[in-house]
Every structure is written in structure tokens, then in C-alpha cells.
Amino acid sequence: MSLTASSKITELDFAKGNGLIPAIAQDIKTGKVLMMAYMNEEALRTTLNEGKACYWSRSRKELWRKGATSGDFQVVREVLVDCDLDTILLLVDQQGDGACHTKKWSCFFRRLNKEGALEEID
């Protein structure tokens, strides 16, 4: 299955994830992966309409407009969809202090070393 010029949001495979698809945010300038969250169809439509990232909060069970309380908005420049139509890649201009709630630029600021211990890298 491929996304054609006439394809629509409704062709994305939200069913595979019980109404949610993973959404990866990547900094358009640096290529750095900033975060991963989930979107339902409403969150994706809101993102497209408003031009800022909107996700679905699994814990609060509501739309989560990134930056609404922190001021750390993600201005969406491009939305890419994977080959299986079940994952979104947002190319964003990250605004504010960063994407992570810890005030790090990226949520991916730790790695596992060979011994399996966490090391902070950012």
C-alpha cells in the first residue's frame, strides 16, 4: 500500500495501534530526533490545520498541544508518512527551551553503554 497524491488521512492505519500512530518529531535544521509521541486522527488534523504539533496524551486521554503550557512549540514544516501508513515523521522548527519536559533540547539525551548503564550525552 502506498500513499498517492489522492490519498487521505483516513487511509493511515490508526487501527493497528488502537486509534493511535507513533509520531516522531525531528529538528528540520539539525536532523536531531527530538521526541516520540502518539497521534490520533484528531491530533493529526489539528496539527495540519494549526501548523503546530498536536499529540494525543495517553495518560490524560486528551489532545496535547505541544508548548501550550511550556511555550516550547514545534512549528511543523513537513509531515512524512512511512511505507506502512502507520507512523508519522514531523519535521519541525523547535521553539523555546527544547522538546523534552526536562528542558533538554531532545528527549533522547541518554544512551545505554555496553554494560547496560545509562549515560547522559546531552
N, C-alpha and C. Protein backbone atom coordinates (compact mmCIF):
# COMPACT_ATOMS: atom_id res chain seq x y z
N MET A 1 0.85 -1.17 0.00
CA MET A 1 0.00 0.00 0.00
C MET A 1 0.89 1.24 0.00
N SER A 2 0.61 2.17 -0.86
CA SER A 2 1.41 3.39 -0.91
C SER A 2 0.51 4.61 -0.86
N LEU A 3 1.04 5.71 -0.37
CA LEU A 3 0.30 6.96 -0.30
C LEU A 3 0.45 7.67 -1.63
N THR A 4 -0.67 7.92 -2.28
CA THR A 4 -0.65 8.59 -3.57
C THR A 4 -1.08 10.04 -3.39
N ALA A 5 -1.02 10.80 -4.47
CA ALA A 5 -1.40 12.20 -4.42
C ALA A 5 -2.86 12.36 -3.97
N SER A 6 -3.69 11.36 -4.23
CA SER A 6 -5.10 11.47 -3.87
C SER A 6 -5.41 10.81 -2.52
N SER A 7 -4.41 10.27 -1.85
CA SER A 7 -4.64 9.61 -0.56
C SER A 7 -5.07 10.63 0.49
N LYS A 8 -5.75 10.13 1.51
CA LYS A 8 -6.27 10.99 2.57
C LYS A 8 -5.82 10.47 3.93
N ILE A 9 -5.98 11.33 4.94
CA ILE A 9 -5.63 10.97 6.31
C ILE A 9 -6.31 9.66 6.71
N THR A 10 -7.54 9.48 6.25
CA THR A 10 -8.31 8.29 6.64
C THR A 10 -7.68 6.99 6.15
N GLU A 11 -6.73 7.08 5.22
CA GLU A 11 -6.03 5.88 4.75
C GLU A 11 -4.89 5.47 5.67
N LEU A 12 -4.51 6.34 6.61
CA LEU A 12 -3.48 5.97 7.56
C LEU A 12 -4.01 4.87 8.46
N ASP A 13 -3.11 4.00 8.92
CA ASP A 13 -3.52 2.82 9.68
C ASP A 13 -3.54 3.12 11.18
N PHE A 14 -4.55 3.85 11.61
CA PHE A 14 -4.73 4.13 13.03
C PHE A 14 -5.21 2.89 13.78
N ALA A 15 -5.86 1.98 13.08
CA ALA A 15 -6.43 0.78 13.71
C ALA A 15 -5.36 -0.12 14.31
N LYS A 16 -4.21 -0.19 13.66
CA LYS A 16 -3.14 -1.08 14.14
C LYS A 16 -2.73 -0.74 15.58
N GLY A 17 -2.78 0.53 15.93
CA GLY A 17 -2.40 0.98 17.27
C GLY A 17 -3.59 1.40 18.11
N ASN A 18 -4.75 0.76 17.87
CA ASN A 18 -5.97 1.10 18.63
C ASN A 18 -6.31 2.58 18.57
N GLY A 19 -6.21 3.14 17.37
CA GLY A 19 -6.58 4.54 17.16
C GLY A 19 -5.43 5.51 17.23
N LEU A 20 -4.23 5.01 17.52
CA LEU A 20 -3.06 5.88 17.65
C LEU A 20 -1.95 5.43 16.70
N ILE A 21 -1.17 6.40 16.24
CA ILE A 21 0.04 6.09 15.47
C ILE A 21 1.21 6.83 16.10
N PRO A 22 2.40 6.22 16.09
CA PRO A 22 3.59 6.92 16.60
C PRO A 22 3.88 8.14 15.73
N ALA A 23 4.32 9.21 16.39
CA ALA A 23 4.71 10.44 15.69
C ALA A 23 6.08 10.85 16.22
N ILE A 24 7.05 10.86 15.34
CA ILE A 24 8.42 11.23 15.69
C ILE A 24 8.65 12.67 15.26
N ALA A 25 9.16 13.49 16.15
CA ALA A 25 9.49 14.87 15.82
C ALA A 25 10.99 14.98 15.62
N GLN A 26 11.39 15.55 14.49
CA GLN A 26 12.80 15.71 14.13
C GLN A 26 13.07 17.18 13.82
N ASP A 27 14.15 17.70 14.36
CA ASP A 27 14.55 19.08 14.10
C ASP A 27 14.91 19.24 12.62
N ILE A 28 14.22 20.13 11.93
CA ILE A 28 14.43 20.29 10.50
C ILE A 28 15.81 20.86 10.18
N LYS A 29 16.39 21.62 11.11
CA LYS A 29 17.71 22.24 10.87
C LYS A 29 18.86 21.27 11.10
N THR A 30 18.78 20.51 12.19
CA THR A 30 19.92 19.66 12.58
C THR A 30 19.72 18.19 12.25
N GLY A 31 18.49 17.78 12.04
CA GLY A 31 18.20 16.37 11.81
C GLY A 31 18.11 15.56 13.10
N LYS A 32 18.30 16.20 14.24
CA LYS A 32 18.26 15.51 15.53
C LYS A 32 16.82 15.08 15.85
N VAL A 33 16.68 13.83 16.29
CA VAL A 33 15.38 13.35 16.73
C VAL A 33 15.08 13.99 18.08
N LEU A 34 13.93 14.63 18.17
CA LEU A 34 13.58 15.38 19.38
C LEU A 34 12.73 14.58 20.35
N MET A 35 11.74 13.89 19.83
CA MET A 35 10.82 13.17 20.72
C MET A 35 9.96 12.21 19.91
N MET A 36 9.26 11.34 20.63
CA MET A 36 8.27 10.46 20.05
C MET A 36 7.02 10.56 20.91
N ALA A 37 5.90 10.70 20.25
CA ALA A 37 4.62 10.74 20.95
C ALA A 37 3.61 10.00 20.06
N TYR A 38 2.34 10.13 20.38
CA TYR A 38 1.31 9.47 19.60
C TYR A 38 0.31 10.50 19.08
N MET A 39 -0.30 10.16 17.96
CA MET A 39 -1.35 10.98 17.39
C MET A 39 -2.55 10.09 17.09
N ASN A 40 -3.72 10.64 17.32
CA ASN A 40 -4.92 10.04 16.76
C ASN A 40 -5.29 10.90 15.55
N GLU A 41 -6.38 10.56 14.89
CA GLU A 41 -6.74 11.30 13.68
C GLU A 41 -7.01 12.77 13.99
N GLU A 42 -7.64 13.04 15.12
CA GLU A 42 -7.94 14.43 15.50
C GLU A 42 -6.66 15.23 15.74
N ALA A 43 -5.68 14.63 16.40
CA ALA A 43 -4.41 15.32 16.66
C ALA A 43 -3.69 15.63 15.35
N LEU A 44 -3.72 14.69 14.41
CA LEU A 44 -3.08 14.92 13.12
C LEU A 44 -3.79 16.03 12.35
N ARG A 45 -5.11 16.01 12.34
CA ARG A 45 -5.87 17.07 11.65
C ARG A 45 -5.59 18.43 12.29
N THR A 46 -5.53 18.47 13.62
CA THR A 46 -5.25 19.71 14.34
C THR A 46 -3.85 20.21 13.98
N THR A 47 -2.88 19.31 13.92
CA THR A 47 -1.51 19.66 13.53
C THR A 47 -1.50 20.27 12.14
N LEU A 48 -2.17 19.64 11.21
CA LEU A 48 -2.20 20.15 9.83
C LEU A 48 -2.90 21.49 9.74
N ASN A 49 -4.00 21.66 10.47
CA ASN A 49 -4.77 22.91 10.43
C ASN A 49 -4.06 24.07 11.11
N GLU A 50 -3.39 23.80 12.23
CA GLU A 50 -2.78 24.87 13.02
C GLU A 50 -1.31 25.11 12.69
N GLY A 51 -0.65 24.12 12.09
CA GLY A 51 0.76 24.27 11.75
C GLY A 51 1.71 24.10 12.93
N LYS A 52 1.18 23.67 14.05
CA LYS A 52 1.99 23.37 15.24
C LYS A 52 1.65 21.96 15.69
N ALA A 53 2.64 21.29 16.26
CA ALA A 53 2.44 19.89 16.65
C ALA A 53 1.38 19.75 17.74
N CYS A 54 0.51 18.81 17.52
CA CYS A 54 -0.51 18.45 18.49
C CYS A 54 -0.50 16.93 18.59
N TYR A 55 -0.44 16.41 19.79
CA TYR A 55 -0.36 14.98 20.01
C TYR A 55 -1.55 14.52 20.84
N TRP A 56 -1.63 13.19 21.05
CA TRP A 56 -2.63 12.63 21.94
C TRP A 56 -1.92 12.17 23.20
N SER A 57 -2.35 12.70 24.34
CA SER A 57 -1.79 12.29 25.62
C SER A 57 -2.47 11.01 26.07
N ARG A 58 -1.70 9.92 26.13
CA ARG A 58 -2.26 8.64 26.56
C ARG A 58 -2.60 8.66 28.04
N SER A 59 -1.81 9.39 28.83
CA SER A 59 -2.06 9.42 30.28
C SER A 59 -3.27 10.29 30.63
N ARG A 60 -3.40 11.44 29.96
CA ARG A 60 -4.53 12.34 30.24
C ARG A 60 -5.75 12.05 29.37
N LYS A 61 -5.54 11.25 28.32
CA LYS A 61 -6.62 10.91 27.38
C LYS A 61 -7.26 12.15 26.78
N GLU A 62 -6.38 13.05 26.28
CA GLU A 62 -6.85 14.28 25.64
C GLU A 62 -5.80 14.80 24.67
N LEU A 63 -6.22 15.72 23.79
CA LEU A 63 -5.27 16.36 22.89
C LEU A 63 -4.24 17.12 23.70
N TRP A 64 -3.01 17.11 23.22
CA TRP A 64 -1.90 17.78 23.89
C TRP A 64 -1.22 18.66 22.85
N ARG A 65 -1.47 19.96 22.94
CA ARG A 65 -0.83 20.90 22.04
C ARG A 65 0.57 21.19 22.60
N LYS A 66 1.57 20.68 21.92
CA LYS A 66 2.95 20.83 22.38
C LYS A 66 3.26 22.31 22.54
N GLY A 67 3.69 22.69 23.74
CA GLY A 67 4.06 24.07 24.02
C GLY A 67 2.97 24.93 24.61
N ALA A 68 1.75 24.40 24.73
CA ALA A 68 0.64 25.20 25.24
C ALA A 68 0.91 25.73 26.65
N THR A 69 1.57 24.94 27.49
CA THR A 69 1.88 25.41 28.85
C THR A 69 3.35 25.80 28.99
N SER A 70 4.24 25.15 28.25
CA SER A 70 5.67 25.41 28.40
C SER A 70 6.19 26.52 27.48
N GLY A 71 5.48 26.79 26.38
CA GLY A 71 5.98 27.74 25.39
C GLY A 71 6.97 27.12 24.42
N ASP A 72 7.23 25.83 24.55
CA ASP A 72 8.19 25.12 23.70
C ASP A 72 7.47 24.48 22.51
N PHE A 73 6.98 25.32 21.61
CA PHE A 73 6.20 24.88 20.46
C PHE A 73 7.05 24.18 19.42
N GLN A 74 6.38 23.39 18.61
CA GLN A 74 7.00 22.78 17.43
C GLN A 74 6.24 23.27 16.21
N VAL A 75 6.87 24.13 15.43
CA VAL A 75 6.27 24.61 14.19
C VAL A 75 6.54 23.54 13.13
N VAL A 76 5.48 22.98 12.59
CA VAL A 76 5.59 21.85 11.66
C VAL A 76 5.86 22.37 10.26
N ARG A 77 6.98 21.93 9.69
CA ARG A 77 7.36 22.33 8.33
C ARG A 77 6.98 21.28 7.30
N GLU A 78 6.98 20.01 7.71
CA GLU A 78 6.63 18.94 6.78
C GLU A 78 6.18 17.73 7.58
N VAL A 79 5.22 16.98 7.02
CA VAL A 79 4.73 15.76 7.65
C VAL A 79 5.00 14.61 6.67
N LEU A 80 5.79 13.65 7.11
CA LEU A 80 6.10 12.48 6.30
C LEU A 80 5.40 11.27 6.89
N VAL A 81 5.05 10.33 6.02
CA VAL A 81 4.36 9.12 6.43
C VAL A 81 5.17 7.92 5.95
N ASP A 82 5.32 6.92 6.81
CA ASP A 82 6.12 5.75 6.43
C ASP A 82 5.38 4.86 5.43
N CYS A 83 6.09 3.85 4.93
CA CYS A 83 5.59 2.98 3.87
C CYS A 83 4.38 2.16 4.29
N ASP A 84 4.23 1.86 5.58
CA ASP A 84 3.09 1.08 6.06
C ASP A 84 1.89 1.95 6.45
N LEU A 85 2.04 3.25 6.29
CA LEU A 85 0.99 4.22 6.64
C LEU A 85 0.59 4.14 8.11
N ASP A 86 1.59 3.83 8.99
CA ASP A 86 1.26 3.72 10.40
C ASP A 86 2.23 4.47 11.33
N THR A 87 3.05 5.33 10.76
CA THR A 87 3.97 6.16 11.56
C THR A 87 4.14 7.50 10.87
N ILE A 88 4.19 8.55 11.68
CA ILE A 88 4.36 9.92 11.18
C ILE A 88 5.74 10.43 11.58
N LEU A 89 6.37 11.16 10.67
CA LEU A 89 7.61 11.88 10.98
C LEU A 89 7.33 13.35 10.74
N LEU A 90 7.41 14.13 11.82
CA LEU A 90 7.21 15.58 11.73
C LEU A 90 8.57 16.26 11.65
N LEU A 91 8.79 17.04 10.61
CA LEU A 91 9.98 17.88 10.53
C LEU A 91 9.57 19.23 11.08
N VAL A 92 10.22 19.62 12.20
CA VAL A 92 9.75 20.78 12.95
C VAL A 92 10.86 21.80 13.20
N ASP A 93 10.42 23.03 13.39
CA ASP A 93 11.25 24.09 13.96
C ASP A 93 10.92 24.11 15.44
N GLN A 94 11.82 23.59 16.27
CA GLN A 94 11.58 23.56 17.71
C GLN A 94 11.77 24.96 18.27
N GLN A 95 10.80 25.43 19.02
CA GLN A 95 10.83 26.75 19.64
C GLN A 95 11.03 26.60 21.15
N GLY A 96 11.61 27.61 21.77
CA GLY A 96 11.75 27.60 23.23
C GLY A 96 12.98 26.87 23.71
N ASP A 97 12.86 26.24 24.89
CA ASP A 97 13.99 25.59 25.54
C ASP A 97 14.27 24.18 25.04
N GLY A 98 13.34 23.57 24.33
CA GLY A 98 13.56 22.23 23.82
C GLY A 98 12.28 21.42 23.81
N ALA A 99 12.39 20.21 23.30
CA ALA A 99 11.23 19.33 23.14
C ALA A 99 10.88 18.57 24.41
N CYS A 100 11.87 18.31 25.25
CA CYS A 100 11.66 17.45 26.41
C CYS A 100 11.10 18.23 27.61
N HIS A 101 10.24 17.58 28.36
CA HIS A 101 9.68 18.20 29.56
C HIS A 101 10.76 18.46 30.62
N THR A 102 11.94 17.85 30.47
CA THR A 102 13.05 18.07 31.39
C THR A 102 13.86 19.32 31.02
N LYS A 103 13.41 20.01 29.97
CA LYS A 103 14.05 21.22 29.42
C LYS A 103 15.33 20.89 28.64
N LYS A 104 15.48 19.65 28.24
CA LYS A 104 16.54 19.26 27.31
C LYS A 104 16.02 19.52 25.91
N TRP A 105 16.92 19.75 24.97
CA TRP A 105 16.52 20.00 23.59
C TRP A 105 15.82 18.78 23.00
N SER A 106 16.32 17.59 23.31
CA SER A 106 15.75 16.34 22.81
C SER A 106 15.42 15.43 23.99
N CYS A 107 14.40 14.63 23.83
CA CYS A 107 14.08 13.63 24.86
C CYS A 107 15.12 12.51 24.87
N PHE A 108 15.89 12.41 23.80
CA PHE A 108 16.89 11.35 23.68
C PHE A 108 18.26 11.88 24.10
N PHE A 109 18.42 12.09 25.40
CA PHE A 109 19.66 12.65 25.94
C PHE A 109 20.46 11.64 26.77
N ARG A 110 20.05 10.38 26.70
CA ARG A 110 20.76 9.30 27.40
C ARG A 110 21.00 8.15 26.45
N ARG A 111 22.04 7.41 26.72
CA ARG A 111 22.30 6.18 25.96
C ARG A 111 22.65 5.08 26.93
N LEU A 112 22.49 3.86 26.45
CA LEU A 112 22.92 2.70 27.22
C LEU A 112 24.33 2.34 26.78
N ASN A 113 25.26 2.22 27.75
CA ASN A 113 26.61 1.80 27.39
C ASN A 113 26.66 0.28 27.26
N LYS A 114 27.83 -0.26 26.95
CA LYS A 114 27.97 -1.70 26.72
C LYS A 114 27.60 -2.53 27.95
N GLU A 115 27.76 -1.94 29.13
CA GLU A 115 27.41 -2.65 30.38
C GLU A 115 25.92 -2.52 30.71
N GLY A 116 25.18 -1.77 29.91
CA GLY A 116 23.75 -1.59 30.15
C GLY A 116 23.41 -0.45 31.09
N ALA A 117 24.40 0.39 31.41
CA ALA A 117 24.14 1.54 32.29
C ALA A 117 23.79 2.76 31.45
N LEU A 118 22.94 3.61 31.99
CA LEU A 118 22.54 4.85 31.32
C LEU A 118 23.63 5.91 31.49
N GLU A 119 23.92 6.61 30.40
CA GLU A 119 24.86 7.74 30.43
C GLU A 119 24.19 8.93 29.78
N GLU A 120 24.31 10.09 30.41
CA GLU A 120 23.77 11.30 29.81
C GLU A 120 24.73 11.80 28.73
N ILE A 121 24.19 12.12 27.56
CA ILE A 121 25.05 12.53 26.45
C ILE A 121 24.79 13.96 25.99
N ASP A 122 23.75 14.57 26.49
CA ASP A 122 23.43 15.94 26.08
C ASP A 122 23.40 16.86 27.26
